[in-house]
C-alpha atoms as a PDB file:
ATOM      1  CA  UNK A   1     136.312  85.995 112.722  1.00  0.00           C
ATOM      2  CA  UNK A   2     135.505  85.707 116.424  1.00  0.00           C
ATOM      3  CA  UNK A   3     132.077  84.545 117.567  1.00  0.00           C
ATOM      4  CA  UNK A   4     130.051  86.926 119.733  1.00  0.00           C
ATOM      5  CA  UNK A   5     128.681  85.577 123.035  1.00  0.00           C
ATOM      6  CA  UNK A   6     126.506  87.436 125.551  1.00  0.00           C
ATOM      7  CA  UNK A   7     127.106  86.501 129.195  1.00  0.00           C
ATOM      8  CA  UNK A   8     124.171  85.888 131.527  1.00  0.00           C
ATOM      9  CA  UNK A   9     125.068  89.100 133.343  1.00  0.00           C
ATOM     10  CA  UNK A  10     124.967  91.120 130.114  1.00  0.00           C
ATOM     11  CA  UNK A  11     121.626  89.589 129.127  1.00  0.00           C
ATOM     12  CA  UNK A  12     120.237  90.446 132.578  1.00  0.00           C
ATOM     13  CA  UNK A  13     121.570  93.994 132.145  1.00  0.00           C
ATOM     14  CA  UNK A  14     119.608  94.313 128.893  1.00  0.00           C
ATOM     15  CA  UNK A  15     116.476  93.044 130.665  1.00  0.00           C
ATOM     16  CA  UNK A  16     116.960  95.589 133.459  1.00  0.00           C
ATOM     17  CA  UNK A  17     117.465  98.435 130.977  1.00  0.00           C
ATOM     18  CA  UNK A  18     114.334  97.361 129.111  1.00  0.00           C
ATOM     19  CA  UNK A  19     112.292  97.163 132.329  1.00  0.00           C
ATOM     20  CA  UNK A  20     113.462 100.606 133.455  1.00  0.00           C
ATOM     21  CA  UNK A  21     112.606 102.342 130.165  1.00  0.00           C
ATOM     22  CA  UNK A  22     109.395 100.322 129.660  1.00  0.00           C
ATOM     23  CA  UNK A  23     107.918 101.799 132.842  1.00  0.00           C
ATOM     24  CA  UNK A  24     107.378 104.929 130.762  1.00  0.00           C
ATOM     25  CA  UNK A  25     107.280 103.777 127.126  1.00  0.00           C
ATOM     26  CA  UNK A  26     107.611 100.063 126.252  1.00  0.00           C
ATOM     27  CA  UNK A  27     108.000 100.842 122.545  1.00  0.00           C
ATOM     28  CA  UNK A  28     111.111 102.946 123.162  1.00  0.00           C
ATOM     29  CA  UNK A  29     112.485 100.354 125.574  1.00  0.00           C
ATOM     30  CA  UNK A  30     112.426  97.726 122.850  1.00  0.00           C
ATOM     31  CA  UNK A  31     113.950 100.088 120.290  1.00  0.00           C
ATOM     32  CA  UNK A  32     116.756 101.078 122.658  1.00  0.00           C
ATOM     33  CA  UNK A  33     117.676  97.513 123.637  1.00  0.00           C
ATOM     34  CA  UNK A  34     117.656  96.564 119.943  1.00  0.00           C
ATOM     35  CA  UNK A  35     120.029  99.472 119.265  1.00  0.00           C
ATOM     36  CA  UNK A  36     122.406  98.227 121.980  1.00  0.00           C
ATOM     37  CA  UNK A  37     122.412  94.722 120.501  1.00  0.00           C
ATOM     38  CA  UNK A  38     122.850  95.972 116.939  1.00  0.00           C
ATOM     39  CA  UNK A  39     125.865  98.047 118.021  1.00  0.00           C
ATOM     40  CA  UNK A  40     127.705  94.809 118.806  1.00  0.00           C
ATOM     41  CA  UNK A  41     127.027  93.243 115.383  1.00  0.00           C
ATOM     42  CA  UNK A  42     130.118  94.776 113.810  1.00  0.00           C
ATOM     43  CA  UNK A  43     132.393  93.431 116.562  1.00  0.00           C
ATOM     44  CA  UNK A  44     132.660  89.974 114.998  1.00  0.00           C
ATOM     45  CA  UNK A  45     134.370  91.450 111.946  1.00  0.00           C
ATOM     46  CA  UNK A  46     136.159  94.237 113.856  1.00  0.00           C
ATOM     47  CA  UNK A  47     136.806  93.041 117.436  1.00  0.00           C
ATOM     48  CA  UNK A  48     139.083  95.966 118.338  1.00  0.00           C
ATOM     49  CA  UNK A  49     136.492  98.529 117.300  1.00  0.00           C
ATOM     50  CA  UNK A  50     135.780  99.502 120.891  1.00  0.00           C
ATOM     51  CA  UNK A  51     138.142 101.518 123.028  1.00  0.00           C
ATOM     52  CA  UNK A  52     140.136 100.122 125.945  1.00  0.00           C
ATOM     53  CA  UNK A  53     138.230 100.288 129.238  1.00  0.00           C
ATOM     54  CA  UNK A  54     139.997 102.947 131.360  1.00  0.00           C
ATOM     55  CA  UNK A  55     139.390 101.051 134.627  1.00  0.00           C
ATOM     56  CA  UNK A  56     141.028  97.906 133.201  1.00  0.00           C
ATOM     57  CA  UNK A  57     144.482  99.456 133.561  1.00  0.00           C
ATOM     58  CA  UNK A  58     146.684  98.391 130.653  1.00  0.00           C
ATOM     59  CA  UNK A  59     144.641  95.373 129.552  1.00  0.00           C
ATOM     60  CA  UNK A  60     144.170  95.439 125.808  1.00  0.00           C
ATOM     61  CA  UNK A  61     141.645  92.574 125.852  1.00  0.00           C
ATOM     62  CA  UNK A  62     138.968  94.459 127.823  1.00  0.00           C
ATOM     63  CA  UNK A  63     137.181  96.925 125.569  1.00  0.00           C
ATOM     64  CA  UNK A  64     133.929  98.836 125.338  1.00  0.00           C
ATOM     65  CA  UNK A  65     131.497 100.390 122.939  1.00  0.00           C
ATOM     66  CA  UNK A  66     129.635 103.511 124.027  1.00  0.00           C
ATOM     67  CA  UNK A  67     126.029 103.674 122.843  1.00  0.00           C
ATOM     68  CA  UNK A  68     123.880 106.604 123.941  1.00  0.00           C
ATOM     69  CA  UNK A  69     125.466 106.845 127.365  1.00  0.00           C
ATOM     70  CA  UNK A  70     125.705 103.090 127.979  1.00  0.00           C
ATOM     71  CA  UNK A  71     128.920 101.096 128.103  1.00  0.00           C
ATOM     72  CA  UNK A  72     128.932  97.682 126.454  1.00  0.00           C
ATOM     73  CA  UNK A  73     132.006  96.060 127.990  1.00  0.00           C
ATOM     74  CA  UNK A  74     133.468  93.015 126.282  1.00  0.00           C
ATOM     75  CA  UNK A  75     136.434  90.686 126.545  1.00  0.00           C
ATOM     76  CA  UNK A  76     138.539  89.704 123.534  1.00  0.00           C
ATOM     77  CA  UNK A  77     139.337  86.002 123.584  1.00  0.00           C
ATOM     78  CA  UNK A  78     141.063  83.814 121.025  1.00  0.00           C
ATOM     79  CA  UNK A  79     137.952  82.441 119.365  1.00  0.00           C
ATOM     80  CA  UNK A  80     135.164  84.582 120.788  1.00  0.00           C
ATOM     81  CA  UNK A  81     134.120  87.984 122.062  1.00  0.00           C
ATOM     82  CA  UNK A  82     132.404  87.817 125.425  1.00  0.00           C
ATOM     83  CA  UNK A  83     129.967  90.651 126.177  1.00  0.00           C
ATOM     84  CA  UNK A  84     130.475  90.993 129.919  1.00  0.00           C
ATOM     85  CA  UNK A  85     128.076  93.747 130.964  1.00  0.00           C
ATOM     86  CA  UNK A  86     126.045  96.715 129.806  1.00  0.00           C
ATOM     87  CA  UNK A  87     126.107  99.582 132.289  1.00  0.00           C
ATOM     88  CA  UNK A  88     125.200 103.250 132.359  1.00  0.00           C
ATOM     89  CA  UNK A  89     128.151 105.482 131.538  1.00  0.00           C
ATOM     90  CA  UNK A  90     127.838 107.342 134.835  1.00  0.00           C
ATOM     91  CA  UNK A  91     128.867 104.217 136.782  1.00  0.00           C
ATOM     92  CA  UNK A  92     132.486 104.261 137.862  1.00  0.00           C
ATOM     93  CA  UNK A  93     133.955 100.788 137.880  1.00  0.00           C
ATOM     94  CA  UNK A  94     137.194 101.944 139.510  1.00  0.00           C
ATOM     95  CA  UNK A  95     135.630 101.818 142.978  1.00  0.00           C
ATOM     96  CA  UNK A  96     134.142  98.346 142.551  1.00  0.00           C
ATOM     97  CA  UNK A  97     135.969  95.603 144.390  1.00  0.00           C
ATOM     98  CA  UNK A  98     135.321  93.024 141.664  1.00  0.00           C
ATOM     99  CA  UNK A  99     135.378  94.170 138.041  1.00  0.00           C
ATOM    100  CA  UNK A 100     133.212  92.509 135.343  1.00  0.00           C
ATOM    101  CA  UNK A 101     136.319  91.114 133.595  1.00  0.00           C
ATOM    102  CA  UNK A 102     137.482  89.509 136.863  1.00  0.00           C
ATOM    103  CA  UNK A 103     134.330  87.419 137.269  1.00  0.00           C
ATOM    104  CA  UNK A 104     134.396  83.671 136.855  1.00  0.00           C
END
């Protein structure tokens, strides 16, 4: 079973999502961020649960879970799953010069 690890970028994404929603209703912001985190819990036992990321061409190791319009993008590695970023589904990564899985 692979260990789940959240990158600093992904943690900052969660903070940004919380801050955005909390401007209106802090209670719902916390519930939503918790829902995003809980969605990744099953990845340790089932790392290929998410679909391949379309913008990652033919890479089978870059996958994503879709949760209420947000994309949780993660990288399959030998001994761990790296949550790379959490972005709104309307964002098109194809036009970005540097993709989240190319960082580092």
